């Protein structure tokens, strides 16, 4: 499904359906101090915000987000609340798995962070064969538009080198969701640095653990696997053939209405070195 078709589906919802639907976006925004020349953060940040606004997510998970990027998004994306800390010191140092949610729709009742390592509570800890510290950030949200189960929204970024670390990180998240997601509906976003069918993918989505069972929203909405589902573009707007490494997962009580890879291009440029992934979810009454 193309992103244009997804927007068309959104526009075609009735008011009641729109009220009960949940728009989710995951977006690796590329860290803002990278020496990217014509693709430097200062030259693409407005376009990136435009891309987010176009989809208008209720929940937005970002990766590689530095503190000044989080603050810029928060200032430009009116009506959102942000939650995230730097992975290096648990404060402002290092990349964040910063997440955003609409303040008019959600009330945050809980939230926290854990590191993807053998010692998840130790700030800045690096796990297994990972090259860098990695973090998961989560919030528990009360949906003001409907009574019922709260939503646990978790956002993360797996290591780019550590093969064992990626798989163990997926297992850790599933285990954590066993308690965090109890009596809740769950949404997981992230850059997982692994493709469909990989060990981390199976660890996160296979229905063989006590933890809440998750589904891959994109594959539910697009059952036939294609050759143009790559989400890392390296600022090459024609890139399509790589792995789909950016995922949106959700618990099985969600109905996946639509999901897409947002390949928005402007003046021959992409807003980031990853394409965003989006999904529209709905809970049955």
Protein backbone atom coordinates (compact mmCIF):
# COMPACT_ATOMS: atom_id res chain seq x y z
CA UNK A 1 0.00 0.00 0.00
CA UNK A 2 1.37 3.41 -0.93
CA UNK A 3 1.37 6.33 1.46
CA UNK A 4 -1.01 8.22 -0.86
CA UNK A 5 -3.52 5.37 -0.62
CA UNK A 6 -3.15 5.42 3.16
CA UNK A 7 -3.96 9.14 3.29
CA UNK A 8 -6.95 8.48 1.07
CA UNK A 9 -8.20 5.86 3.48
CA UNK A 10 -7.79 8.29 6.34
CA UNK A 11 -9.76 10.96 4.53
CA UNK A 12 -12.49 8.46 3.80
CA UNK A 13 -13.15 7.55 7.43
CA UNK A 14 -16.40 8.63 9.00
CA UNK A 15 -16.16 10.93 11.98
CA UNK A 16 -16.92 8.05 14.35
CA UNK A 17 -14.20 5.89 12.81
CA UNK A 18 -11.71 8.74 12.87
CA UNK A 19 -12.45 9.33 16.55
CA UNK A 20 -11.69 5.72 17.44
CA UNK A 21 -8.74 5.21 15.11
CA UNK A 22 -5.13 5.62 16.18
CA UNK A 23 -2.52 7.00 13.80
CA UNK A 24 1.00 5.76 14.54
CA UNK A 25 4.30 6.79 12.95
CA UNK A 26 7.85 5.57 13.53
CA UNK A 27 10.63 7.76 12.16
CA UNK A 28 14.42 7.57 12.45
CA UNK A 29 15.17 11.28 12.01
CA UNK A 30 19.00 10.97 11.71
CA UNK A 31 21.04 12.56 14.51
CA UNK A 32 21.36 16.27 14.06
CA UNK A 33 25.13 16.63 14.45
CA UNK A 34 25.99 14.27 11.58
CA UNK A 35 28.13 15.80 8.83
CA UNK A 36 25.57 15.27 6.10
CA UNK A 37 26.33 18.21 3.83
CA UNK A 38 23.25 19.09 1.81
CA UNK A 39 21.25 16.71 3.99
CA UNK A 40 22.30 18.28 7.29
CA UNK A 41 19.59 18.60 9.92
CA UNK A 42 19.41 22.39 9.56
CA UNK A 43 18.57 21.99 5.87
CA UNK A 44 15.89 19.33 6.23
CA UNK A 45 14.28 19.85 9.61
CA UNK A 46 11.36 21.92 8.29
CA UNK A 47 10.64 19.30 5.63
CA UNK A 48 10.78 16.58 8.27
CA UNK A 49 8.20 18.42 10.37
CA UNK A 50 6.02 18.86 7.28
CA UNK A 51 6.19 15.13 6.67
CA UNK A 52 5.07 14.38 10.22
CA UNK A 53 2.29 16.95 10.09
CA UNK A 54 0.97 15.49 6.84
CA UNK A 55 0.27 12.17 8.49
CA UNK A 56 -0.73 13.80 11.81
CA UNK A 57 0.13 10.88 14.10
CA UNK A 58 -1.50 10.40 17.47
CA UNK A 59 1.62 8.49 18.53
CA UNK A 60 5.07 9.24 17.10
CA UNK A 61 8.19 7.23 17.89
CA UNK A 62 11.49 8.82 16.86
CA UNK A 63 15.00 7.40 16.85
CA UNK A 64 18.48 9.00 16.83
CA UNK A 65 16.89 12.05 18.42
CA UNK A 66 19.26 14.42 20.20
CA UNK A 67 17.93 16.76 22.88
CA UNK A 68 17.89 19.82 20.62
CA UNK A 69 16.03 17.84 17.95
CA UNK A 70 13.44 16.70 20.48
CA UNK A 71 12.97 20.29 21.58
CA UNK A 72 12.65 21.50 17.98
CA UNK A 73 10.00 18.91 17.17
CA UNK A 74 8.13 19.70 20.35
CA UNK A 75 8.10 23.42 19.48
CA UNK A 76 7.00 22.85 15.88
CA UNK A 77 4.51 20.05 16.43
CA UNK A 78 1.90 21.93 18.41
CA UNK A 79 -0.27 19.94 20.77
CA UNK A 80 2.16 17.12 21.54
CA UNK A 81 3.91 16.02 24.69
CA UNK A 82 7.38 14.47 24.43
CA UNK A 83 9.03 11.85 26.61
CA UNK A 84 12.62 10.68 26.32
CA UNK A 85 16.12 10.79 27.82
CA UNK A 86 19.63 10.50 26.43
CA UNK A 87 20.90 6.95 26.31
CA UNK A 88 24.35 7.90 27.64
CA UNK A 89 23.38 9.50 30.96
CA UNK A 90 19.62 9.11 31.34
CA UNK A 91 19.26 12.87 30.99
CA UNK A 92 20.30 14.87 27.93
CA UNK A 93 23.50 13.19 26.71
CA UNK A 94 23.32 10.93 23.70
CA UNK A 95 20.59 9.84 21.34
CA UNK A 96 17.04 9.40 22.59
CA UNK A 97 14.23 7.06 21.62
CA UNK A 98 12.01 10.10 22.16
CA UNK A 99 8.31 9.53 21.72
CA UNK A 100 5.48 12.02 21.24
CA UNK A 101 1.75 11.82 21.84
CA UNK A 102 -1.20 14.16 21.45
CA UNK A 103 -1.98 15.99 24.67
CA UNK A 104 -5.62 16.57 23.80
CA UNK A 105 -6.21 12.86 23.38
CA UNK A 106 -3.94 11.21 25.95
CA UNK A 107 -3.05 11.56 29.60
CA UNK A 108 0.25 10.00 30.61
CA UNK A 109 -0.25 7.97 33.78
CA UNK A 110 3.15 6.28 33.87
CA UNK A 111 6.37 6.04 31.92
CA UNK A 112 10.00 5.09 32.06
CA UNK A 113 13.13 3.88 30.33
CA UNK A 114 15.30 0.78 30.39
CA UNK A 115 18.56 -0.04 28.68
CA UNK A 116 18.88 -2.91 26.23
CA UNK A 117 21.46 -4.87 28.18
CA UNK A 118 21.88 -7.56 30.82
CA UNK A 119 21.46 -4.75 33.39
CA UNK A 120 18.47 -2.79 32.07
CA UNK A 121 18.21 -0.47 35.07
CA UNK A 122 21.83 0.71 34.86
CA UNK A 123 21.94 4.00 33.00
CA UNK A 124 24.13 3.90 29.91
CA UNK A 125 24.73 0.15 30.08
CA UNK A 126 25.77 -1.60 26.89
CA UNK A 127 24.53 -5.13 26.33
CA UNK A 128 25.88 -8.32 24.79
CA UNK A 129 27.84 -7.58 21.58
CA UNK A 130 26.35 -4.11 21.04
CA UNK A 131 28.59 -1.32 19.79
CA UNK A 132 26.67 1.37 21.68
CA UNK A 133 24.29 1.78 24.61
CA UNK A 134 20.69 1.30 23.48
CA UNK A 135 17.49 2.32 25.20
CA UNK A 136 13.75 1.69 25.21
CA UNK A 137 11.31 4.40 26.32
CA UNK A 138 7.70 3.72 27.23
CA UNK A 139 4.59 5.48 28.46
CA UNK A 140 1.21 4.32 29.70
CA UNK A 141 -1.58 6.47 28.31
CA UNK A 142 -5.22 7.01 29.16
CA UNK A 143 -7.21 7.66 26.00
CA UNK A 144 -9.55 10.59 26.63
CA UNK A 145 -11.70 9.61 23.64
CA UNK A 146 -12.71 6.22 24.94
CA UNK A 147 -13.09 4.29 28.16
CA UNK A 148 -11.37 0.98 28.57
CA UNK A 149 -7.86 -0.41 28.59
CA UNK A 150 -4.91 1.99 28.73
CA UNK A 151 -2.35 2.05 25.94
CA UNK A 152 1.29 1.17 26.54
CA UNK A 153 3.44 2.84 23.87
CA UNK A 154 7.08 1.71 23.66
CA UNK A 155 9.73 3.10 21.32
CA UNK A 156 13.28 1.82 20.78
CA UNK A 157 16.36 1.60 18.53
CA UNK A 158 18.35 -1.65 18.31
CA UNK A 159 22.10 -1.80 17.84
CA UNK A 160 23.46 -1.55 14.31
CA UNK A 161 26.34 -4.03 14.76
CA UNK A 162 25.50 -6.45 17.56
CA UNK A 163 23.61 -9.42 16.09
CA UNK A 164 23.19 -11.08 19.48
CA UNK A 165 22.27 -7.74 21.04
CA UNK A 166 19.41 -7.23 18.59
CA UNK A 167 17.89 -10.64 19.33
CA UNK A 168 18.35 -10.33 23.09
CA UNK A 169 16.90 -6.81 23.00
CA UNK A 170 13.76 -8.15 21.32
CA UNK A 171 13.45 -10.85 23.97
CA UNK A 172 13.96 -8.28 26.73
CA UNK A 173 11.22 -6.05 25.34
CA UNK A 174 8.78 -8.94 25.08
CA UNK A 175 9.60 -9.92 28.66
CA UNK A 176 9.13 -6.35 29.90
CA UNK A 177 5.80 -6.10 28.11
CA UNK A 178 4.59 -9.06 30.10
CA UNK A 179 4.31 -6.71 33.09
CA UNK A 180 4.17 -3.27 31.44
CA UNK A 181 1.47 -4.36 29.01
CA UNK A 182 -0.70 -6.30 31.41
CA UNK A 183 -4.37 -5.30 30.97
CA UNK A 184 -3.31 -2.78 28.32
CA UNK A 185 -3.30 -2.39 24.57
CA UNK A 186 0.27 -2.24 23.28
CA UNK A 187 1.98 -0.29 20.48
CA UNK A 188 5.70 -0.70 19.76
CA UNK A 189 7.71 1.45 17.34
CA UNK A 190 11.37 1.46 16.46
CA UNK A 191 14.36 1.13 14.19
CA UNK A 192 15.31 -2.50 14.72
CA UNK A 193 18.28 -2.69 12.32
CA UNK A 194 17.01 -6.09 11.18
CA UNK A 195 14.72 -7.31 8.46
CA UNK A 196 11.55 -9.35 8.35
CA UNK A 197 12.14 -12.99 9.27
CA UNK A 198 15.35 -12.24 11.19
CA UNK A 199 15.93 -13.57 14.69
CA UNK A 200 15.01 -10.21 16.32
CA UNK A 201 11.84 -10.05 14.21
CA UNK A 202 10.81 -13.56 15.23
CA UNK A 203 11.65 -12.87 18.88
CA UNK A 204 9.40 -9.81 18.84
CA UNK A 205 6.47 -11.15 16.83
CA UNK A 206 6.30 -14.92 17.19
CA UNK A 207 3.39 -16.02 19.35
CA UNK A 208 5.39 -18.42 21.51
CA UNK A 209 5.99 -16.50 24.74
CA UNK A 210 3.98 -15.63 27.83
CA UNK A 211 4.31 -11.93 27.01
CA UNK A 212 1.53 -10.21 25.06
CA UNK A 213 1.49 -11.40 21.48
CA UNK A 214 2.41 -8.70 18.96
CA UNK A 215 1.77 -8.45 15.23
CA UNK A 216 3.67 -6.58 12.53
CA UNK A 217 1.16 -3.92 11.47
CA UNK A 218 2.71 -3.40 8.04
CA UNK A 219 2.58 -7.08 7.12
CA UNK A 220 -0.99 -7.45 8.37
CA UNK A 221 -2.05 -4.57 6.12
CA UNK A 222 0.16 -5.73 3.22
CA UNK A 223 0.14 -9.55 3.26
CA UNK A 224 2.18 -9.99 0.07
CA UNK A 225 5.87 -9.30 0.64
CA UNK A 226 7.40 -7.12 -2.09
CA UNK A 227 10.89 -6.19 -3.24
CA UNK A 228 10.46 -2.45 -2.65
CA UNK A 229 9.90 -2.37 1.11
CA UNK A 230 13.28 -1.03 2.20
CA UNK A 231 13.08 1.74 4.81
CA UNK A 232 16.74 2.84 5.04
CA UNK A 233 17.59 5.14 2.15
CA UNK A 234 20.90 6.80 3.10
CA UNK A 235 19.43 9.99 1.58
CA UNK A 236 19.07 8.21 -1.76
CA UNK A 237 15.44 8.91 -2.66
CA UNK A 238 15.39 6.04 -5.16
CA UNK A 239 16.38 3.44 -2.54
CA UNK A 240 13.67 0.80 -2.21
CA UNK A 241 15.23 -2.65 -2.28
CA UNK A 242 16.76 -3.01 1.19
CA UNK A 243 15.22 -4.56 4.27
CA UNK A 244 12.25 -3.10 6.09
CA UNK A 245 14.07 -2.40 9.36
CA UNK A 246 11.60 0.12 10.84
CA UNK A 247 8.56 -1.58 12.36
CA UNK A 248 5.27 -0.83 14.08
CA UNK A 249 4.07 -3.65 16.31
CA UNK A 250 0.76 -3.86 18.12
CA UNK A 251 -1.09 -6.24 20.39
CA UNK A 252 -3.75 -8.45 18.84
CA UNK A 253 -6.68 -6.46 20.21
CA UNK A 254 -5.95 -3.82 17.57
CA UNK A 255 -7.45 -4.00 14.10
CA UNK A 256 -4.92 -2.84 11.52
CA UNK A 257 -6.82 -0.54 9.17
CA UNK A 258 -3.86 0.47 7.01
CA UNK A 259 -0.06 0.68 7.02
CA UNK A 260 2.49 2.18 4.64
CA UNK A 261 6.04 3.36 4.08
CA UNK A 262 6.03 7.14 3.71
CA UNK A 263 8.29 7.93 0.75
CA UNK A 264 7.60 11.67 0.68
CA UNK A 265 10.18 13.47 -1.48
CA UNK A 266 10.58 17.21 -2.00
CA UNK A 267 12.93 18.88 -4.49
CA UNK A 268 14.73 15.58 -4.91
CA UNK A 269 15.41 15.27 -1.17
CA UNK A 270 14.20 12.95 1.57
CA UNK A 271 13.47 14.29 5.08
CA UNK A 272 15.77 11.71 6.68
CA UNK A 273 18.01 8.77 5.82
CA UNK A 274 15.11 6.49 6.76
CA UNK A 275 11.62 6.52 5.35
CA UNK A 276 8.96 6.78 8.03
CA UNK A 277 6.53 3.92 8.53
CA UNK A 278 2.89 4.58 9.43
CA UNK A 279 -0.12 2.60 10.56
CA UNK A 280 -3.77 3.27 11.33
CA UNK A 281 -5.15 1.09 14.10
CA UNK A 282 -8.55 0.70 15.71
CA UNK A 283 -9.75 -1.06 18.83
CA UNK A 284 -12.98 -3.03 18.71
CA UNK A 285 -15.59 -1.75 21.16
